[in-house]
Amino acid sequence: ITHPDLTAAIARVREWGATVNAARRRQASSDDAPPLAAPSLILSGPNGAGKTALARVIHWSMVDTVLDEDGRPIPDMVIPCGRWFTATDLLGALAQERDSDGYTHSAAPGQLAGSAPFVIIDDVAAELTIPYVAYQAQEGERQTRYHLFLDWCVRNNMPVVITTNLAAAGDDSDLARHVGPRAWSRLMQMCPRGYIVSLWSVPDYRRRLGGRA
């Protein structure tokens, strides 16, 4: 955790979390308060750099108390307030409905995100084949579903945390090509400068733990 790029990433994650918490407090203080848009966050880097570990810290650092059937808090019982999806699960869940002719229809993104203050999409670019989609249509369908979900997030001020093994710097980056131009445009609208965090020079901690570094 002493690598400078990792300590810089942790600092940026803390900054992001403070912004999300400020938005939550603002919303909780007044029913009439307009939604306060918090930035989205992209963690980009190789295997073993700690991207998913950071995302799990985010997930479990913002929790809600579990209530019993009478609405009283249950001691020591909390659940994450954000929503966690692997990229594979998210894309599959966006088309669970099928009609009698076998065609799939996208489920509403709002049904998946709910009223969570943020959504985490882990391992973008490690998606498996989308069920019921012909091989030659996989790329187009993947990009369509990312656009569908991210467009909803933009319109509903829902910040997104993305982890990916793809380079994410610029409109010609691997991540931009993977999600497609429409989804990338929405993502850049949500993700201001400085919130695309690079971990590409951080060494693989799994190799170090295994004595292979």
Protein backbone atom coordinates (compact mmCIF):
# COMPACT_ATOMS: atom_id res chain seq x y z
CA ILE A 1 0.00 0.00 0.00
CA THR A 2 3.03 2.29 -0.04
CA HIS A 3 3.25 2.49 -3.83
CA PRO A 4 2.73 6.17 -4.75
CA ASP A 5 0.11 5.47 -7.40
CA LEU A 6 -1.87 3.33 -4.96
CA THR A 7 -1.71 5.89 -2.17
CA ALA A 8 -2.82 8.53 -4.69
CA ALA A 9 -5.73 6.28 -5.72
CA ILE A 10 -6.75 5.81 -2.08
CA ALA A 11 -6.72 9.58 -1.57
CA ARG A 12 -8.92 10.06 -4.63
CA VAL A 13 -11.32 7.33 -3.44
CA ARG A 14 -11.64 9.08 -0.08
CA GLU A 15 -12.32 12.37 -1.84
CA TRP A 16 -14.96 10.68 -3.98
CA GLY A 17 -16.58 9.08 -0.91
CA ALA A 18 -16.74 12.41 0.90
CA THR A 19 -18.54 13.91 -2.09
CA VAL A 20 -21.08 11.06 -2.21
CA ASN A 21 -21.69 11.31 1.54
CA ALA A 22 -22.23 15.06 1.25
CA ALA A 23 -24.83 14.41 -1.44
CA ARG A 24 -26.54 11.83 0.79
CA ARG A 25 -26.64 14.21 3.77
CA ARG A 26 -28.04 16.99 1.60
CA GLN A 27 -30.81 14.71 0.35
CA ALA A 28 -31.60 13.40 3.84
CA SER A 29 -31.82 16.90 5.32
CA SER A 30 -34.59 18.06 3.01
CA ASP A 31 -37.15 16.27 0.89
CA ASP A 32 -37.23 19.33 -1.36
CA ALA A 33 -33.47 19.42 -1.96
CA PRO A 34 -32.62 18.86 -5.62
CA PRO A 35 -30.36 15.87 -6.28
CA LEU A 36 -26.71 16.77 -5.90
CA ALA A 37 -24.72 15.04 -8.59
CA ALA A 38 -21.63 13.25 -7.30
CA PRO A 39 -18.81 12.32 -9.69
CA SER A 40 -18.31 8.85 -11.08
CA LEU A 41 -15.01 7.03 -10.63
CA ILE A 42 -13.00 4.74 -12.94
CA LEU A 43 -10.25 2.50 -11.50
CA SER A 44 -8.11 1.31 -14.40
CA GLY A 45 -5.11 -1.01 -14.19
CA PRO A 46 -3.69 -4.52 -14.56
CA ASN A 47 -4.55 -7.66 -12.63
CA GLY A 48 -3.51 -7.58 -9.01
CA ALA A 49 -3.24 -3.80 -8.69
CA GLY A 50 -6.03 -3.61 -6.11
CA LYS A 51 -8.93 -2.24 -8.18
CA THR A 52 -11.58 -4.65 -6.91
CA ALA A 53 -10.17 -4.45 -3.39
CA LEU A 54 -10.66 -0.67 -3.46
CA ALA A 55 -14.17 -1.12 -4.86
CA ARG A 56 -15.04 -3.51 -2.02
CA VAL A 57 -13.77 -0.98 0.52
CA ILE A 58 -16.06 1.60 -1.08
CA HIS A 59 -18.95 -0.88 -1.03
CA TRP A 60 -18.61 -1.66 2.69
CA SER A 61 -17.63 1.82 3.84
CA MET A 62 -21.12 3.19 3.12
CA VAL A 63 -23.74 1.12 4.92
CA ASP A 64 -27.32 1.32 6.15
CA THR A 65 -28.56 -0.07 9.45
CA VAL A 66 -30.80 -3.14 9.21
CA LEU A 67 -34.22 -2.60 10.80
CA ASP A 68 -36.45 -5.22 12.37
CA GLU A 69 -40.12 -5.66 11.50
CA ASP A 70 -41.02 -2.86 13.93
CA GLY A 71 -38.58 -0.45 12.32
CA ARG A 72 -36.03 -0.59 15.11
CA PRO A 73 -32.30 -0.87 14.37
CA ILE A 74 -30.81 -4.32 14.85
CA PRO A 75 -27.52 -3.97 16.78
CA ASP A 76 -24.37 -4.65 14.72
CA MET A 77 -26.40 -5.39 11.57
CA VAL A 78 -25.62 -3.29 8.51
CA ILE A 79 -25.85 -3.72 4.74
CA PRO A 80 -24.06 -1.81 1.96
CA CYS A 81 -26.18 1.04 0.64
CA GLY A 82 -24.62 0.91 -2.84
CA ARG A 83 -25.35 -1.70 -5.50
CA TRP A 84 -22.64 -4.11 -6.66
CA PHE A 85 -22.64 -5.77 -10.08
CA THR A 86 -20.04 -7.65 -12.00
CA ALA A 87 -20.08 -6.43 -15.59
CA THR A 88 -21.29 -9.87 -16.70
CA ASP A 89 -24.23 -9.87 -14.27
CA LEU A 90 -25.25 -6.32 -15.12
CA LEU A 91 -25.36 -6.87 -18.87
CA GLY A 92 -27.28 -10.11 -18.43
CA ALA A 93 -29.78 -8.54 -16.03
CA LEU A 94 -30.57 -5.77 -18.48
CA ALA A 95 -32.36 -8.25 -20.73
CA GLN A 96 -34.06 -10.84 -18.58
CA GLU A 97 -37.51 -10.48 -20.14
CA ARG A 98 -38.39 -12.59 -23.17
CA ASP A 99 -41.63 -12.58 -25.13
CA SER A 100 -43.44 -15.55 -26.67
CA ASP A 101 -41.41 -15.21 -29.89
CA GLY A 102 -38.11 -15.52 -28.04
CA TYR A 103 -37.06 -11.88 -28.28
CA THR A 104 -35.40 -10.28 -25.28
CA HIS A 105 -36.42 -6.92 -23.88
CA SER A 106 -34.27 -4.75 -21.66
CA ALA A 107 -35.24 -4.57 -18.02
CA ALA A 108 -35.43 -1.04 -16.65
CA PRO A 109 -32.05 0.10 -15.26
CA GLY A 110 -33.92 1.74 -12.41
CA GLN A 111 -35.13 -1.65 -11.26
CA LEU A 112 -31.52 -2.74 -10.89
CA ALA A 113 -30.08 0.43 -9.34
CA GLY A 114 -33.08 1.24 -7.17
CA SER A 115 -32.56 4.17 -4.81
CA ALA A 116 -28.91 3.36 -4.06
CA PRO A 117 -26.58 6.36 -3.76
CA PHE A 118 -24.10 4.76 -6.18
CA VAL A 119 -23.50 1.66 -8.31
CA ILE A 120 -20.31 -0.38 -8.67
CA ILE A 121 -19.62 -2.24 -11.93
CA ASP A 122 -16.69 -4.57 -11.40
CA ASP A 123 -14.42 -6.03 -14.08
CA VAL A 124 -15.62 -4.24 -17.19
CA ALA A 125 -14.03 -6.05 -20.18
CA ALA A 126 -14.26 -9.46 -18.50
CA GLU A 127 -17.86 -9.99 -19.59
CA LEU A 128 -18.95 -13.41 -20.73
CA THR A 129 -21.14 -14.00 -23.77
CA ILE A 130 -24.55 -12.36 -23.42
CA PRO A 131 -27.22 -15.09 -23.43
CA TYR A 132 -29.59 -15.32 -26.41
CA VAL A 133 -27.51 -12.90 -28.49
CA ALA A 134 -26.00 -14.14 -31.73
CA TYR A 135 -22.21 -14.14 -31.80
CA GLN A 136 -21.98 -11.55 -34.55
CA ALA A 137 -24.22 -9.19 -32.56
CA GLN A 138 -22.40 -9.48 -29.22
CA GLU A 139 -20.33 -6.30 -29.47
CA GLY A 140 -23.22 -4.12 -30.60
CA GLU A 141 -25.51 -5.53 -27.92
CA ARG A 142 -22.88 -5.01 -25.22
CA GLN A 143 -22.46 -1.38 -26.19
CA THR A 144 -26.22 -0.85 -26.39
CA ARG A 145 -26.71 -2.17 -22.87
CA TYR A 146 -23.89 -0.09 -21.42
CA HIS A 147 -25.42 2.98 -23.04
CA LEU A 148 -28.86 2.07 -21.70
CA PHE A 149 -27.60 1.79 -18.14
CA LEU A 150 -25.21 4.74 -18.12
CA ASP A 151 -27.76 7.02 -19.78
CA TRP A 152 -30.17 6.22 -16.94
CA CYS A 153 -27.43 6.96 -14.40
CA VAL A 154 -26.75 10.37 -15.98
CA ARG A 155 -30.42 11.31 -15.97
CA ASN A 156 -30.86 10.21 -12.34
CA ASN A 157 -27.60 11.59 -10.90
CA MET A 158 -26.44 8.09 -10.01
CA PRO A 159 -22.63 7.97 -9.69
CA VAL A 160 -20.91 4.85 -10.98
CA VAL A 161 -17.68 3.20 -9.86
CA ILE A 162 -16.05 1.11 -12.61
CA THR A 163 -13.10 -1.24 -12.32
CA THR A 164 -11.45 -2.40 -15.53
CA ASN A 165 -8.31 -3.96 -16.95
CA LEU A 166 -8.61 -1.65 -19.96
CA ALA A 167 -6.75 1.63 -20.41
CA ALA A 168 -9.21 4.46 -19.87
CA ALA A 169 -7.32 7.62 -20.85
CA GLY A 170 -8.98 9.37 -23.78
CA ASP A 171 -11.70 8.90 -26.37
CA ASP A 172 -9.54 6.40 -28.27
CA SER A 173 -8.79 4.32 -25.19
CA ASP A 174 -9.55 0.62 -24.96
CA LEU A 175 -12.37 1.26 -22.50
CA ALA A 176 -13.97 3.87 -24.76
CA ARG A 177 -13.99 1.40 -27.67
CA HIS A 178 -15.27 -1.41 -25.46
CA VAL A 179 -18.36 0.38 -24.14
CA GLY A 180 -18.97 2.28 -27.39
CA PRO A 181 -19.08 6.01 -28.18
CA ARG A 182 -22.55 6.68 -26.77
CA ALA A 183 -21.87 4.99 -23.43
CA TRP A 184 -18.42 6.58 -23.24
CA SER A 185 -19.91 10.04 -23.78
CA ARG A 186 -22.30 9.48 -20.87
CA LEU A 187 -19.47 8.18 -18.71
CA MET A 188 -17.31 11.23 -19.44
CA GLN A 189 -20.24 13.46 -18.54
CA MET A 190 -20.30 11.82 -15.10
CA CYS A 191 -16.55 11.42 -14.58
CA PRO A 192 -14.73 14.77 -14.29
CA ARG A 193 -11.02 15.20 -14.79
CA GLY A 194 -9.03 13.46 -12.08
CA TYR A 195 -11.56 10.72 -11.41
CA ILE A 196 -10.10 8.31 -13.97
CA VAL A 197 -7.56 6.72 -11.65
CA SER A 198 -4.61 4.86 -13.19
CA LEU A 199 -3.04 1.92 -11.36
CA TRP A 200 -1.00 0.70 -14.31
CA SER A 201 2.37 1.02 -12.57
CA VAL A 202 1.25 -0.71 -9.36
CA PRO A 203 2.82 -4.20 -9.09
CA ASP A 204 0.69 -7.34 -8.88
CA TYR A 205 0.21 -7.94 -5.15
CA ARG A 206 -0.92 -11.52 -5.79
CA ARG A 207 2.49 -12.32 -7.24
CA ARG A 208 4.16 -10.69 -4.24
CA LEU A 209 2.02 -12.69 -1.82
CA GLY A 210 2.95 -15.84 -3.72
CA GLY A 211 6.65 -15.02 -3.51
CA ARG A 212 6.97 -14.55 -7.29
CA ALA A 213 7.60 -10.81 -7.42
